[in-house]
Each structure stands twice: as structure tokens, then as C-alpha cells.
Amino acid sequence: MSKELEEIKKFVGTDRLVVGFNQVMKELRKNSLEKIFIASNPKEELLKDIKYYSELAKVPTVHLSIPNSELGPICKKRFFISFLGLKKSKE
């Protein structure tokens, strides 16, 4: 398993993992993300928005090798997930 998936699994169920396009965009605007994970098959128009705003905020994006249909179950969700955000630690 890749180190990115291990990192995601480590934060599943915590308040540091943000799920979905709308939540990731909201946190990007607040400049509270340290990393964004992107499934291998997101919708193109959503991907463009995430890339644009992540570059403005200087937040690195990680492109995963798994599709959104597999990312949902990894995050213990019953729906497809294309975007995940990792919030900055409060320490």
C-alpha cells in the first residue's frame, strides 16, 4: 500500500480529514489545508478548480492511483470520494 493511502487511513475518523469537493474548497479559502488528495478519476471541471485554488494557496496536491469508487470505502464512507483535504495540525 502506498504511503499516501497509509497517511489517509491514519486520519480517517479525525477532524483533520476533510471529505469532498465543497468541504475542500471551503478549507482552501480559509487557508487551513496542508495537503489535498485527488482520486485518479475526478470530474475535470472540479479538478481544474481545485488545482487553481491549491496553487494560489500553495497547498500541495497528491494524485492517487486509485479511483473515487475505491477511495470512499478506504475512508469508511458509502459513497465515491474524489477529493480529500488534510487540515493543518493545531500544534
N, C-alpha and C. Protein backbone atom coordinates (compact mmCIF):
# COMPACT_ATOMS: atom_id res chain seq x y z
N MET A 1 0.84 -1.19 0.00
CA MET A 1 0.00 0.00 0.00
C MET A 1 0.89 1.25 0.00
N SER A 2 0.47 2.26 -0.72
CA SER A 2 1.28 3.47 -0.85
C SER A 2 1.29 4.27 0.44
N LYS A 3 2.32 5.09 0.58
CA LYS A 3 2.43 5.91 1.80
C LYS A 3 1.31 6.93 1.87
N GLU A 4 0.78 7.37 0.71
CA GLU A 4 -0.33 8.31 0.73
C GLU A 4 -1.58 7.68 1.32
N LEU A 5 -1.86 6.43 0.93
CA LEU A 5 -3.03 5.74 1.48
C LEU A 5 -2.86 5.47 2.97
N GLU A 6 -1.64 5.16 3.39
CA GLU A 6 -1.38 4.97 4.82
C GLU A 6 -1.66 6.27 5.58
N GLU A 7 -1.25 7.39 5.00
CA GLU A 7 -1.48 8.69 5.63
C GLU A 7 -2.97 8.98 5.73
N ILE A 8 -3.71 8.68 4.67
CA ILE A 8 -5.16 8.90 4.68
C ILE A 8 -5.80 8.04 5.76
N LYS A 9 -5.45 6.76 5.81
CA LYS A 9 -6.04 5.85 6.80
C LYS A 9 -5.75 6.31 8.22
N LYS A 10 -4.59 6.92 8.43
CA LYS A 10 -4.21 7.40 9.76
C LYS A 10 -5.17 8.50 10.25
N PHE A 11 -5.70 9.29 9.31
CA PHE A 11 -6.55 10.42 9.70
C PHE A 11 -8.04 10.17 9.51
N VAL A 12 -8.43 8.99 9.02
CA VAL A 12 -9.86 8.66 8.88
C VAL A 12 -10.51 8.70 10.25
N GLY A 13 -11.63 9.38 10.35
CA GLY A 13 -12.35 9.47 11.63
C GLY A 13 -11.89 10.61 12.51
N THR A 14 -10.90 11.38 12.06
CA THR A 14 -10.46 12.53 12.85
C THR A 14 -11.02 13.80 12.22
N ASP A 15 -10.90 14.90 12.93
CA ASP A 15 -11.40 16.17 12.39
C ASP A 15 -10.40 16.82 11.43
N ARG A 16 -9.25 16.19 11.21
CA ARG A 16 -8.25 16.74 10.28
C ARG A 16 -8.50 16.35 8.83
N LEU A 17 -9.31 15.32 8.58
CA LEU A 17 -9.57 14.87 7.22
C LEU A 17 -10.88 15.48 6.71
N VAL A 18 -10.80 16.21 5.62
CA VAL A 18 -11.95 16.88 5.03
C VAL A 18 -12.33 16.11 3.76
N VAL A 19 -13.61 15.77 3.64
CA VAL A 19 -14.08 14.92 2.54
C VAL A 19 -14.94 15.70 1.56
N GLY A 20 -14.63 15.58 0.28
CA GLY A 20 -15.49 16.13 -0.76
C GLY A 20 -15.04 17.48 -1.30
N PHE A 21 -15.48 17.75 -2.51
CA PHE A 21 -15.08 18.98 -3.20
C PHE A 21 -15.47 20.24 -2.43
N ASN A 22 -16.73 20.33 -2.01
CA ASN A 22 -17.20 21.56 -1.35
C ASN A 22 -16.45 21.83 -0.06
N GLN A 23 -16.22 20.80 0.74
CA GLN A 23 -15.51 20.99 2.00
C GLN A 23 -14.04 21.35 1.76
N VAL A 24 -13.43 20.70 0.78
CA VAL A 24 -12.03 21.01 0.47
C VAL A 24 -11.91 22.46 -0.01
N MET A 25 -12.83 22.90 -0.86
CA MET A 25 -12.80 24.29 -1.33
C MET A 25 -13.00 25.27 -0.18
N LYS A 26 -13.91 24.96 0.72
CA LYS A 26 -14.16 25.82 1.87
C LYS A 26 -12.89 25.97 2.72
N GLU A 27 -12.22 24.87 2.98
CA GLU A 27 -11.00 24.91 3.78
C GLU A 27 -9.85 25.57 3.03
N LEU A 28 -9.81 25.41 1.71
CA LEU A 28 -8.79 26.09 0.91
C LEU A 28 -8.93 27.60 1.04
N ARG A 29 -10.17 28.07 0.98
CA ARG A 29 -10.42 29.52 1.09
C ARG A 29 -9.99 30.05 2.46
N LYS A 30 -10.08 29.20 3.48
CA LYS A 30 -9.67 29.61 4.83
C LYS A 30 -8.17 29.41 5.05
N ASN A 31 -7.48 28.86 4.05
CA ASN A 31 -6.05 28.57 4.13
C ASN A 31 -5.72 27.65 5.31
N SER A 32 -6.53 26.62 5.48
CA SER A 32 -6.33 25.72 6.63
C SER A 32 -5.90 24.31 6.22
N LEU A 33 -5.56 24.12 4.94
CA LEU A 33 -5.15 22.79 4.48
C LEU A 33 -3.64 22.72 4.32
N GLU A 34 -3.09 21.54 4.61
CA GLU A 34 -1.67 21.33 4.36
C GLU A 34 -1.44 20.44 3.15
N LYS A 35 -2.48 19.68 2.72
CA LYS A 35 -2.34 18.78 1.58
C LYS A 35 -3.71 18.41 1.04
N ILE A 36 -3.77 18.15 -0.27
CA ILE A 36 -5.01 17.71 -0.91
C ILE A 36 -4.73 16.40 -1.65
N PHE A 37 -5.59 15.43 -1.44
CA PHE A 37 -5.51 14.14 -2.13
C PHE A 37 -6.59 14.10 -3.19
N ILE A 38 -6.21 13.64 -4.39
CA ILE A 38 -7.14 13.60 -5.52
C ILE A 38 -7.18 12.18 -6.07
N ALA A 39 -8.39 11.64 -6.22
CA ALA A 39 -8.56 10.31 -6.79
C ALA A 39 -8.11 10.33 -8.26
N SER A 40 -7.96 9.16 -8.84
CA SER A 40 -7.45 9.08 -10.21
C SER A 40 -8.47 9.50 -11.27
N ASN A 41 -9.75 9.62 -10.88
CA ASN A 41 -10.77 9.94 -11.89
C ASN A 41 -11.79 10.99 -11.43
N PRO A 42 -11.35 12.18 -11.02
CA PRO A 42 -12.33 13.21 -10.63
C PRO A 42 -12.95 13.85 -11.88
N LYS A 43 -14.04 14.59 -11.66
CA LYS A 43 -14.63 15.34 -12.77
C LYS A 43 -13.66 16.45 -13.16
N GLU A 44 -13.48 16.62 -14.45
CA GLU A 44 -12.46 17.53 -14.98
C GLU A 44 -12.66 18.98 -14.52
N GLU A 45 -13.91 19.46 -14.53
CA GLU A 45 -14.14 20.86 -14.14
C GLU A 45 -13.86 21.08 -12.65
N LEU A 46 -14.14 20.09 -11.83
CA LEU A 46 -13.83 20.20 -10.40
C LEU A 46 -12.33 20.16 -10.16
N LEU A 47 -11.65 19.31 -10.91
CA LEU A 47 -10.20 19.19 -10.80
C LEU A 47 -9.53 20.52 -11.15
N LYS A 48 -10.01 21.19 -12.19
CA LYS A 48 -9.44 22.49 -12.59
C LYS A 48 -9.57 23.50 -11.45
N ASP A 49 -10.75 23.54 -10.81
CA ASP A 49 -10.96 24.47 -9.70
C ASP A 49 -10.02 24.17 -8.53
N ILE A 50 -9.93 22.90 -8.17
CA ILE A 50 -9.06 22.52 -7.05
C ILE A 50 -7.61 22.88 -7.36
N LYS A 51 -7.15 22.56 -8.56
CA LYS A 51 -5.77 22.87 -8.93
C LYS A 51 -5.50 24.37 -8.88
N TYR A 52 -6.43 25.15 -9.41
CA TYR A 52 -6.26 26.61 -9.43
C TYR A 52 -6.13 27.17 -8.02
N TYR A 53 -7.07 26.82 -7.16
CA TYR A 53 -7.07 27.37 -5.81
C TYR A 53 -5.94 26.80 -4.95
N SER A 54 -5.56 25.55 -5.19
CA SER A 54 -4.45 24.99 -4.41
C SER A 54 -3.13 25.67 -4.80
N GLU A 55 -2.98 26.04 -6.07
CA GLU A 55 -1.78 26.77 -6.48
C GLU A 55 -1.76 28.16 -5.86
N LEU A 56 -2.91 28.82 -5.82
CA LEU A 56 -2.97 30.15 -5.19
C LEU A 56 -2.61 30.08 -3.71
N ALA A 57 -3.10 29.05 -3.04
CA ALA A 57 -2.86 28.91 -1.60
C ALA A 57 -1.55 28.18 -1.30
N LYS A 58 -0.84 27.73 -2.36
CA LYS A 58 0.41 27.00 -2.20
C LYS A 58 0.24 25.73 -1.36
N VAL A 59 -0.84 25.01 -1.64
CA VAL A 59 -1.12 23.73 -0.97
C VAL A 59 -0.78 22.61 -1.95
N PRO A 60 0.09 21.68 -1.56
CA PRO A 60 0.45 20.60 -2.50
C PRO A 60 -0.71 19.64 -2.73
N THR A 61 -0.80 19.14 -3.96
CA THR A 61 -1.82 18.14 -4.29
C THR A 61 -1.13 16.81 -4.55
N VAL A 62 -1.78 15.74 -4.12
CA VAL A 62 -1.26 14.38 -4.31
C VAL A 62 -2.27 13.64 -5.16
N HIS A 63 -1.83 13.19 -6.34
CA HIS A 63 -2.70 12.42 -7.22
C HIS A 63 -2.56 10.94 -6.88
N LEU A 64 -3.66 10.36 -6.44
CA LEU A 64 -3.67 8.95 -6.04
C LEU A 64 -3.84 8.06 -7.26
N SER A 65 -3.43 6.81 -7.12
CA SER A 65 -3.56 5.87 -8.24
C SER A 65 -4.87 5.08 -8.19
N ILE A 66 -5.71 5.38 -7.20
CA ILE A 66 -6.97 4.64 -7.06
C ILE A 66 -8.15 5.53 -7.46
N PRO A 67 -9.21 4.93 -8.02
CA PRO A 67 -10.38 5.71 -8.44
C PRO A 67 -11.24 6.12 -7.24
N ASN A 68 -12.17 7.04 -7.49
CA ASN A 68 -13.03 7.55 -6.42
C ASN A 68 -13.92 6.45 -5.83
N SER A 69 -14.21 5.42 -6.60
CA SER A 69 -15.05 4.33 -6.09
C SER A 69 -14.32 3.51 -5.01
N GLU A 70 -13.00 3.49 -5.03
CA GLU A 70 -12.22 2.78 -4.01
C GLU A 70 -11.85 3.69 -2.85
N LEU A 71 -11.75 4.99 -3.11
CA LEU A 71 -11.36 5.92 -2.05
C LEU A 71 -12.46 6.06 -0.99
N GLY A 72 -13.72 5.96 -1.40
CA GLY A 72 -14.84 6.03 -0.45
C GLY A 72 -14.75 4.96 0.63
N PRO A 73 -14.66 3.68 0.28
CA PRO A 73 -14.55 2.64 1.30
C PRO A 73 -13.29 2.75 2.16
N ILE A 74 -12.19 3.24 1.61
CA ILE A 74 -10.98 3.43 2.41
C ILE A 74 -11.24 4.44 3.53
N CYS A 75 -12.08 5.44 3.22
CA CYS A 75 -12.43 6.47 4.21
C CYS A 75 -13.66 6.08 5.03
N LYS A 76 -14.09 4.83 4.89
CA LYS A 76 -15.24 4.31 5.62
C LYS A 76 -16.53 5.06 5.29
N LYS A 77 -16.68 5.41 4.01
CA LYS A 77 -17.88 6.09 3.51
C LYS A 77 -18.54 5.21 2.46
N ARG A 78 -19.85 5.35 2.32
CA ARG A 78 -20.60 4.54 1.36
C ARG A 78 -20.85 5.28 0.05
N PHE A 79 -20.00 6.24 -0.25
CA PHE A 79 -20.14 6.98 -1.50
C PHE A 79 -18.76 7.23 -2.09
N PHE A 80 -18.74 7.62 -3.36
CA PHE A 80 -17.49 7.88 -4.05
C PHE A 80 -16.87 9.17 -3.51
N ILE A 81 -15.55 9.19 -3.38
CA ILE A 81 -14.84 10.38 -2.92
C ILE A 81 -13.74 10.69 -3.93
N SER A 82 -13.76 11.90 -4.47
CA SER A 82 -12.73 12.31 -5.42
C SER A 82 -11.67 13.21 -4.79
N PHE A 83 -12.06 13.94 -3.73
CA PHE A 83 -11.14 14.91 -3.13
C PHE A 83 -11.13 14.77 -1.61
N LEU A 84 -9.93 14.79 -1.06
CA LEU A 84 -9.74 14.79 0.39
C LEU A 84 -8.77 15.92 0.73
N GLY A 85 -9.01 16.57 1.84
CA GLY A 85 -8.08 17.59 2.30
C GLY A 85 -7.59 17.22 3.68
N LEU A 86 -6.33 17.51 3.94
CA LEU A 86 -5.75 17.29 5.26
C LEU A 86 -5.50 18.64 5.90
N LYS A 87 -6.22 18.91 6.99
CA LYS A 87 -6.08 20.19 7.66
C LYS A 87 -4.73 20.28 8.36
N LYS A 88 -4.26 21.51 8.51
CA LYS A 88 -3.02 21.76 9.22
C LYS A 88 -3.22 21.36 10.69
N SER A 89 -2.17 20.84 11.29
CA SER A 89 -2.27 20.50 12.71
C SER A 89 -2.31 21.76 13.54
N LYS A 90 -2.97 21.70 14.68
CA LYS A 90 -3.16 22.87 15.52
C LYS A 90 -2.01 23.07 16.50
N GLU A 91 -0.98 22.26 16.37
CA GLU A 91 0.15 22.33 17.30
C GLU A 91 1.05 23.50 16.98
